[in-house]
Structure formats: C-alpha cells, structure tokens
Amino acid sequence: MEKRVSTIVESPCVRNCCLNEADICVGCFRTLEEITRWSVVDNEAKIQILTQVAVRRSQARHRPDVGGHGADK
C-alpha cells in the first residue's frame, strides 16, 4: 500500500500585519480575503495564493507607492 505524505504549504506571514489602501498586507502581500481563507483552503489554493503574492511583491518593488517594504523610502 502506498503512503501519502502531506506537504504543508507554509504561510507567507512575516508578522508585519498592516493593510494598505487596497487591503493588501504590506508584510506578506496577501489580500485580506486570502489571509482569512488561508487556514481553510487546500494546498493547491495556497500555492495559487503564493503565486499572486510573488506578483504583488515584485510589483511593489518596482512601484513603492503601492505599499510594501519600499513604501517608506
């Protein structure tokens, strides 16, 4: 019998919770909805969220006015 190993997709939370005007956390770059759903969605959905997080993080680095770590430069 084959054993299934469940991989845990870690939360991108960095404990810097503060929402910008678009309700996106400037710490982890998740939307408020994504943050509240995280504990109940499956790994596939978490991976989709993390894909969007990567896009938002990249955009924030290029546009500090959107929020994120470059916002206070």
PDB file of N, CA and C in Angstrom:
ATOM      1  N   MET A   1       0.841  -1.172   0.000  1.00  0.00           N
ATOM      2  CA  MET A   1       0.000   0.000   0.000  1.00  0.00           C
ATOM      3  C   MET A   1       0.897   1.251   0.000  1.00  0.00           C
ATOM      4  N   GLU A   2       0.543   2.231  -0.769  1.00  0.00           N
ATOM      5  CA  GLU A   2       1.316   3.468  -0.903  1.00  0.00           C
ATOM      6  C   GLU A   2       0.925   4.477   0.169  1.00  0.00           C
ATOM      7  N   LYS A   3       1.935   5.032   0.842  1.00  0.00           N
ATOM      8  CA  LYS A   3       1.659   6.052   1.847  1.00  0.00           C
ATOM      9  C   LYS A   3       1.654   7.417   1.187  1.00  0.00           C
ATOM     10  N   ARG A   4       0.719   8.236   1.556  1.00  0.00           N
ATOM     11  CA  ARG A   4       0.653   9.618   1.076  1.00  0.00           C
ATOM     12  C   ARG A   4       1.267  10.522   2.130  1.00  0.00           C
ATOM     13  N   VAL A   5       2.217  11.316   1.690  1.00  0.00           N
ATOM     14  CA  VAL A   5       2.831  12.274   2.597  1.00  0.00           C
ATOM     15  C   VAL A   5       2.229  13.633   2.287  1.00  0.00           C
ATOM     16  N   SER A   6       1.636  14.217   3.293  1.00  0.00           N
ATOM     17  CA  SER A   6       1.005  15.513   3.118  1.00  0.00           C
ATOM     18  C   SER A   6       2.045  16.609   3.329  1.00  0.00           C
ATOM     19  N   THR A   7       2.237  17.419   2.296  1.00  0.00           N
ATOM     20  CA  THR A   7       3.162  18.532   2.391  1.00  0.00           C
ATOM     21  C   THR A   7       2.396  19.754   2.884  1.00  0.00           C
ATOM     22  N   ILE A   8       2.976  20.413   3.856  1.00  0.00           N
ATOM     23  CA  ILE A   8       2.349  21.614   4.394  1.00  0.00           C
ATOM     24  C   ILE A   8       2.902  22.818   3.656  1.00  0.00           C
ATOM     25  N   VAL A   9       2.019  23.610   3.112  1.00  0.00           N
ATOM     26  CA  VAL A   9       2.425  24.853   2.464  1.00  0.00           C
ATOM     27  C   VAL A   9       2.451  25.922   3.549  1.00  0.00           C
ATOM     28  N   GLU A  10       3.635  26.440   3.802  1.00  0.00           N
ATOM     29  CA  GLU A  10       3.817  27.416   4.869  1.00  0.00           C
ATOM     30  C   GLU A  10       3.189  28.760   4.517  1.00  0.00           C
ATOM     31  N   SER A  11       2.666  29.411   5.516  1.00  0.00           N
ATOM     32  CA  SER A  11       2.097  30.747   5.344  1.00  0.00           C
ATOM     33  C   SER A  11       3.221  31.750   5.067  1.00  0.00           C
ATOM     34  N   PRO A  12       2.962  32.710   4.200  1.00  0.00           N
ATOM     35  CA  PRO A  12       3.970  33.736   3.919  1.00  0.00           C
ATOM     36  C   PRO A  12       3.998  34.840   4.973  1.00  0.00           C
ATOM     37  N   CYS A  13       3.212  34.704   6.026  1.00  0.00           N
ATOM     38  CA  CYS A  13       3.120  35.733   7.060  1.00  0.00           C
ATOM     39  C   CYS A  13       4.489  36.012   7.672  1.00  0.00           C
ATOM     40  N   VAL A  14       4.827  37.301   7.777  1.00  0.00           N
ATOM     41  CA  VAL A  14       6.095  37.715   8.385  1.00  0.00           C
ATOM     42  C   VAL A  14       5.843  38.536   9.652  1.00  0.00           C
ATOM     43  N   ARG A  15       4.622  38.476  10.173  1.00  0.00           N
ATOM     44  CA  ARG A  15       4.222  39.170  11.400  1.00  0.00           C
ATOM     45  C   ARG A  15       4.425  40.681  11.311  1.00  0.00           C
ATOM     46  N   ASN A  16       4.164  41.212  10.113  1.00  0.00           N
ATOM     47  CA  ASN A  16       4.215  42.660   9.885  1.00  0.00           C
ATOM     48  C   ASN A  16       2.871  43.053   9.286  1.00  0.00           C
ATOM     49  N   CYS A  17       1.811  42.759  10.018  1.00  0.00           N
ATOM     50  CA  CYS A  17       0.453  42.886   9.504  1.00  0.00           C
ATOM     51  C   CYS A  17      -0.015  44.336   9.486  1.00  0.00           C
ATOM     52  N   CYS A  18      -0.190  44.835   8.301  1.00  0.00           N
ATOM     53  CA  CYS A  18      -0.708  46.182   8.101  1.00  0.00           C
ATOM     54  C   CYS A  18      -1.255  46.230   6.680  1.00  0.00           C
ATOM     55  N   LEU A  19      -2.522  46.548   6.551  1.00  0.00           N
ATOM     56  CA  LEU A  19      -3.140  46.587   5.225  1.00  0.00           C
ATOM     57  C   LEU A  19      -2.971  47.952   4.590  1.00  0.00           C
ATOM     58  N   ASN A  20      -2.691  47.948   3.281  1.00  0.00           N
ATOM     59  CA  ASN A  20      -2.630  49.220   2.558  1.00  0.00           C
ATOM     60  C   ASN A  20      -4.033  49.596   2.104  1.00  0.00           C
ATOM     61  N   GLU A  21      -4.149  50.649   1.318  1.00  0.00           N
ATOM     62  CA  GLU A  21      -5.470  51.130   0.886  1.00  0.00           C
ATOM     63  C   GLU A  21      -6.211  50.143  -0.009  1.00  0.00           C
ATOM     64  N   ALA A  22      -5.491  49.166  -0.574  1.00  0.00           N
ATOM     65  CA  ALA A  22      -6.131  48.149  -1.414  1.00  0.00           C
ATOM     66  C   ALA A  22      -6.419  46.862  -0.627  1.00  0.00           C
ATOM     67  N   ASP A  23      -6.311  46.918   0.708  1.00  0.00           N
ATOM     68  CA  ASP A  23      -6.499  45.758   1.588  1.00  0.00           C
ATOM     69  C   ASP A  23      -5.511  44.633   1.283  1.00  0.00           C
ATOM     70  N   ILE A  24      -4.264  45.022   0.992  1.00  0.00           N
ATOM     71  CA  ILE A  24      -3.185  44.066   0.790  1.00  0.00           C
ATOM     72  C   ILE A  24      -2.184  44.278   1.923  1.00  0.00           C
ATOM     73  N   CYS A  25      -1.803  43.194   2.566  1.00  0.00           N
ATOM     74  CA  CYS A  25      -0.861  43.275   3.680  1.00  0.00           C
ATOM     75  C   CYS A  25       0.510  43.694   3.157  1.00  0.00           C
ATOM     76  N   VAL A  26       1.097  44.702   3.773  1.00  0.00           N
ATOM     77  CA  VAL A  26       2.408  45.179   3.341  1.00  0.00           C
ATOM     78  C   VAL A  26       3.537  44.272   3.846  1.00  0.00           C
ATOM     79  N   GLY A  27       3.208  43.301   4.682  1.00  0.00           N
ATOM     80  CA  GLY A  27       4.202  42.344   5.153  1.00  0.00           C
ATOM     81  C   GLY A  27       4.290  41.115   4.273  1.00  0.00           C
ATOM     82  N   CYS A  28       3.146  40.495   3.990  1.00  0.00           N
ATOM     83  CA  CYS A  28       3.153  39.230   3.239  1.00  0.00           C
ATOM     84  C   CYS A  28       2.551  39.345   1.840  1.00  0.00           C
ATOM     85  N   PHE A  29       1.963  40.488   1.529  1.00  0.00           N
ATOM     86  CA  PHE A  29       1.394  40.773   0.207  1.00  0.00           C
ATOM     87  C   PHE A  29       0.169  39.925  -0.142  1.00  0.00           C
ATOM     88  N   ARG A  30      -0.514  39.405   0.889  1.00  0.00           N
ATOM     89  CA  ARG A  30      -1.787  38.730   0.632  1.00  0.00           C
ATOM     90  C   ARG A  30      -2.916  39.726   0.801  1.00  0.00           C
ATOM     91  N   THR A  31      -4.014  39.461   0.112  1.00  0.00           N
ATOM     92  CA  THR A  31      -5.207  40.285   0.302  1.00  0.00           C
ATOM     93  C   THR A  31      -5.858  39.874   1.614  1.00  0.00           C
ATOM     94  N   LEU A  32      -6.721  40.737   2.115  1.00  0.00           N
ATOM     95  CA  LEU A  32      -7.438  40.413   3.346  1.00  0.00           C
ATOM     96  C   LEU A  32      -8.201  39.099   3.188  1.00  0.00           C
ATOM     97  N   GLU A  33      -8.831  38.901   2.056  1.00  0.00           N
ATOM     98  CA  GLU A  33      -9.569  37.660   1.806  1.00  0.00           C
ATOM     99  C   GLU A  33      -8.637  36.446   1.834  1.00  0.00           C
ATOM    100  N   GLU A  34      -7.469  36.566   1.203  1.00  0.00           N
ATOM    101  CA  GLU A  34      -6.519  35.448   1.187  1.00  0.00           C
ATOM    102  C   GLU A  34      -6.023  35.124   2.591  1.00  0.00           C
ATOM    103  N   ILE A  35      -5.821  36.142   3.397  1.00  0.00           N
ATOM    104  CA  ILE A  35      -5.374  35.930   4.781  1.00  0.00           C
ATOM    105  C   ILE A  35      -6.436  35.172   5.573  1.00  0.00           C
ATOM    106  N   THR A  36      -7.681  35.582   5.443  1.00  0.00           N
ATOM    107  CA  THR A  36      -8.753  34.954   6.228  1.00  0.00           C
ATOM    108  C   THR A  36      -9.078  33.544   5.740  1.00  0.00           C
ATOM    109  N   ARG A  37      -8.853  33.261   4.469  1.00  0.00           N
ATOM    110  CA  ARG A  37      -9.140  31.928   3.923  1.00  0.00           C
ATOM    111  C   ARG A  37      -8.004  30.934   4.119  1.00  0.00           C
ATOM    112  N   TRP A  38      -6.796  31.424   4.414  1.00  0.00           N
ATOM    113  CA  TRP A  38      -5.595  30.586   4.408  1.00  0.00           C
ATOM    114  C   TRP A  38      -5.768  29.287   5.207  1.00  0.00           C
ATOM    115  N   SER A  39      -6.338  29.357   6.368  1.00  0.00           N
ATOM    116  CA  SER A  39      -6.422  28.178   7.235  1.00  0.00           C
ATOM    117  C   SER A  39      -7.441  27.139   6.769  1.00  0.00           C
ATOM    118  N   VAL A  40      -8.288  27.488   5.806  1.00  0.00           N
ATOM    119  CA  VAL A  40      -9.317  26.529   5.378  1.00  0.00           C
ATOM    120  C   VAL A  40      -9.160  26.052   3.936  1.00  0.00           C
ATOM    121  N   VAL A  41      -8.251  26.642   3.173  1.00  0.00           N
ATOM    122  CA  VAL A  41      -8.089  26.215   1.781  1.00  0.00           C
ATOM    123  C   VAL A  41      -7.058  25.084   1.689  1.00  0.00           C
ATOM    124  N   ASP A  42      -7.142  24.315   0.596  1.00  0.00           N
ATOM    125  CA  ASP A  42      -6.204  23.211   0.402  1.00  0.00           C
ATOM    126  C   ASP A  42      -4.861  23.734  -0.139  1.00  0.00           C
ATOM    127  N   ASN A  43      -3.898  22.835  -0.228  1.00  0.00           N
ATOM    128  CA  ASN A  43      -2.560  23.219  -0.664  1.00  0.00           C
ATOM    129  C   ASN A  43      -2.533  23.807  -2.074  1.00  0.00           C
ATOM    130  N   GLU A  44      -3.370  23.295  -2.948  1.00  0.00           N
ATOM    131  CA  GLU A  44      -3.421  23.823  -4.312  1.00  0.00           C
ATOM    132  C   GLU A  44      -3.824  25.304  -4.301  1.00  0.00           C
ATOM    133  N   ALA A  45      -4.820  25.628  -3.506  1.00  0.00           N
ATOM    134  CA  ALA A  45      -5.256  27.024  -3.395  1.00  0.00           C
ATOM    135  C   ALA A  45      -4.169  27.880  -2.751  1.00  0.00           C
ATOM    136  N   LYS A  46      -3.458  27.328  -1.768  1.00  0.00           N
ATOM    137  CA  LYS A  46      -2.372  28.067  -1.126  1.00  0.00           C
ATOM    138  C   LYS A  46      -1.259  28.374  -2.126  1.00  0.00           C
ATOM    139  N   ILE A  47      -0.964  27.418  -2.974  1.00  0.00           N
ATOM    140  CA  ILE A  47       0.064  27.633  -3.995  1.00  0.00           C
ATOM    141  C   ILE A  47      -0.380  28.724  -4.966  1.00  0.00           C
ATOM    142  N   GLN A  48      -1.659  28.743  -5.318  1.00  0.00           N
ATOM    143  CA  GLN A  48      -2.178  29.809  -6.182  1.00  0.00           C
ATOM    144  C   GLN A  48      -2.060  31.169  -5.498  1.00  0.00           C
ATOM    145  N   ILE A  49      -2.349  31.208  -4.209  1.00  0.00           N
ATOM    146  CA  ILE A  49      -2.212  32.457  -3.457  1.00  0.00           C
ATOM    147  C   ILE A  49      -0.753  32.903  -3.458  1.00  0.00           C
ATOM    148  N   LEU A  50       0.156  31.972  -3.219  1.00  0.00           N
ATOM    149  CA  LEU A  50       1.579  32.312  -3.191  1.00  0.00           C
ATOM    150  C   LEU A  50       2.073  32.818  -4.548  1.00  0.00           C
ATOM    151  N   THR A  51       1.489  32.324  -5.618  1.00  0.00           N
ATOM    152  CA  THR A  51       1.829  32.823  -6.959  1.00  0.00           C
ATOM    153  C   THR A  51       1.431  34.285  -7.086  1.00  0.00           C
ATOM    154  N   GLN A  52       0.237  34.620  -6.602  1.00  0.00           N
ATOM    155  CA  GLN A  52      -0.218  36.002  -6.634  1.00  0.00           C
ATOM    156  C   GLN A  52       0.615  36.885  -5.712  1.00  0.00           C
ATOM    157  N   VAL A  53       1.020  36.325  -4.574  1.00  0.00           N
ATOM    158  CA  VAL A  53       1.874  37.057  -3.637  1.00  0.00           C
ATOM    159  C   VAL A  53       3.187  37.447  -4.316  1.00  0.00           C
ATOM    160  N   ALA A  54       3.769  36.511  -5.056  1.00  0.00           N
ATOM    161  CA  ALA A  54       5.035  36.787  -5.753  1.00  0.00           C
ATOM    162  C   ALA A  54       4.872  37.917  -6.764  1.00  0.00           C
ATOM    163  N   VAL A  55       3.753  37.933  -7.464  1.00  0.00           N
ATOM    164  CA  VAL A  55       3.484  39.000  -8.433  1.00  0.00           C
ATOM    165  C   VAL A  55       3.350  40.337  -7.718  1.00  0.00           C
ATOM    166  N   ARG A  56       2.580  40.358  -6.636  1.00  0.00           N
ATOM    167  CA  ARG A  56       2.387  41.610  -5.888  1.00  0.00           C
ATOM    168  C   ARG A  56       3.695  42.116  -5.284  1.00  0.00           C
ATOM    169  N   ARG A  57       4.489  41.199  -4.762  1.00  0.00           N
ATOM    170  CA  ARG A  57       5.773  41.593  -4.157  1.00  0.00           C
ATOM    171  C   ARG A  57       6.678  42.211  -5.221  1.00  0.00           C
ATOM    172  N   SER A  58       6.711  41.606  -6.381  1.00  0.00           N
ATOM    173  CA  SER A  58       7.527  42.126  -7.477  1.00  0.00           C
ATOM    174  C   SER A  58       7.041  43.501  -7.917  1.00  0.00           C
ATOM    175  N   GLN A  59       5.735  43.669  -8.023  1.00  0.00           N
ATOM    176  CA  GLN A  59       5.167  44.959  -8.415  1.00  0.00           C
ATOM    177  C   GLN A  59       5.471  46.027  -7.373  1.00  0.00           C
ATOM    178  N   ALA A  60       5.434  45.660  -6.089  1.00  0.00           N
ATOM    179  CA  ALA A  60       5.702  46.623  -5.019  1.00  0.00           C
ATOM    180  C   ALA A  60       7.153  47.076  -5.041  1.00  0.00           C
ATOM    181  N   ARG A  61       8.045  46.185  -5.428  1.00  0.00           N
ATOM    182  CA  ARG A  61       9.459  46.567  -5.516  1.00  0.00           C
ATOM    183  C   ARG A  61       9.693  47.566  -6.634  1.00  0.00           C
ATOM    184  N   HIS A  62       8.893  47.449  -7.676  1.00  0.00           N
ATOM    185  CA  HIS A  62       9.040  48.354  -8.818  1.00  0.00           C
ATOM    186  C   HIS A  62       8.235  49.634  -8.656  1.00  0.00           C
ATOM    187  N   ARG A  63       7.227  49.594  -7.777  1.00  0.00           N
ATOM    188  CA  ARG A  63       6.369  50.757  -7.535  1.00  0.00           C
ATOM    189  C   ARG A  63       6.184  50.940  -6.045  1.00  0.00           C
ATOM    190  N   PRO A  64       7.081  51.634  -5.395  1.00  0.00           N
ATOM    191  CA  PRO A  64       6.993  51.788  -3.939  1.00  0.00           C
ATOM    192  C   PRO A  64       5.706  52.443  -3.469  1.00  0.00           C
ATOM    193  N   ASP A  65       5.013  53.169  -4.348  1.00  0.00           N
ATOM    194  CA  ASP A  65       3.770  53.828  -3.935  1.00  0.00           C
ATOM    195  C   ASP A  65       2.632  52.853  -3.715  1.00  0.00           C
ATOM    196  N   VAL A  66       2.789  51.566  -4.113  1.00  0.00           N
ATOM    197  CA  VAL A  66       1.730  50.577  -3.953  1.00  0.00           C
ATOM    198  C   VAL A  66       1.726  49.987  -2.556  1.00  0.00           C
ATOM    199  N   GLY A  67       2.734  50.230  -1.796  1.00  0.00           N
ATOM    200  CA  GLY A  67       2.827  49.637  -0.466  1.00  0.00           C
ATOM    201  C   GLY A  67       3.972  48.649  -0.459  1.00  0.00           C
ATOM    202  N   GLY A  68       4.190  48.044   0.661  1.00  0.00           N
ATOM    203  CA  GLY A  68       5.260  47.071   0.766  1.00  0.00           C
ATOM    204  C   GLY A  68       6.503  47.688   1.373  1.00  0.00           C
ATOM    205  N   HIS A  69       7.569  46.941   1.317  1.00  0.00           N
ATOM    206  CA  HIS A  69       8.790  47.320   2.013  1.00  0.00           C
ATOM    207  C   HIS A  69       9.445  48.555   1.446  1.00  0.00           C
ATOM    208  N   GLY A  70       9.208  48.870   0.189  1.00  0.00           N
ATOM    209  CA  GLY A  70       9.817  50.059  -0.387  1.00  0.00           C
ATOM    210  C   GLY A  70       9.004  51.310  -0.181  1.00  0.00           C
ATOM    211  N   ALA A  71       7.886  51.202   0.491  1.00  0.00           N
ATOM    212  CA  ALA A  71       6.956  52.330   0.617  1.00  0.00           C
ATOM    213  C   ALA A  71       7.481  53.461   1.472  1.00  0.00           C
ATOM    214  N   ASP A  72       8.388  53.169   2.394  1.00  0.00           N
ATOM    215  CA  ASP A  72       8.840  54.226   3.269  1.00  0.00           C
ATOM    216  C   ASP A  72      10.220  54.751   2.901  1.00  0.00           C
ATOM    217  N   LYS A  73      10.617  54.598   1.686  1.00  0.00           N
ATOM    218  CA  LYS A  73      11.887  55.141   1.212  1.00  0.00           C
ATOM    219  C   LYS A  73      11.751  56.565   0.799  1.00  0.00           C
TER     220      LYS A  73
END
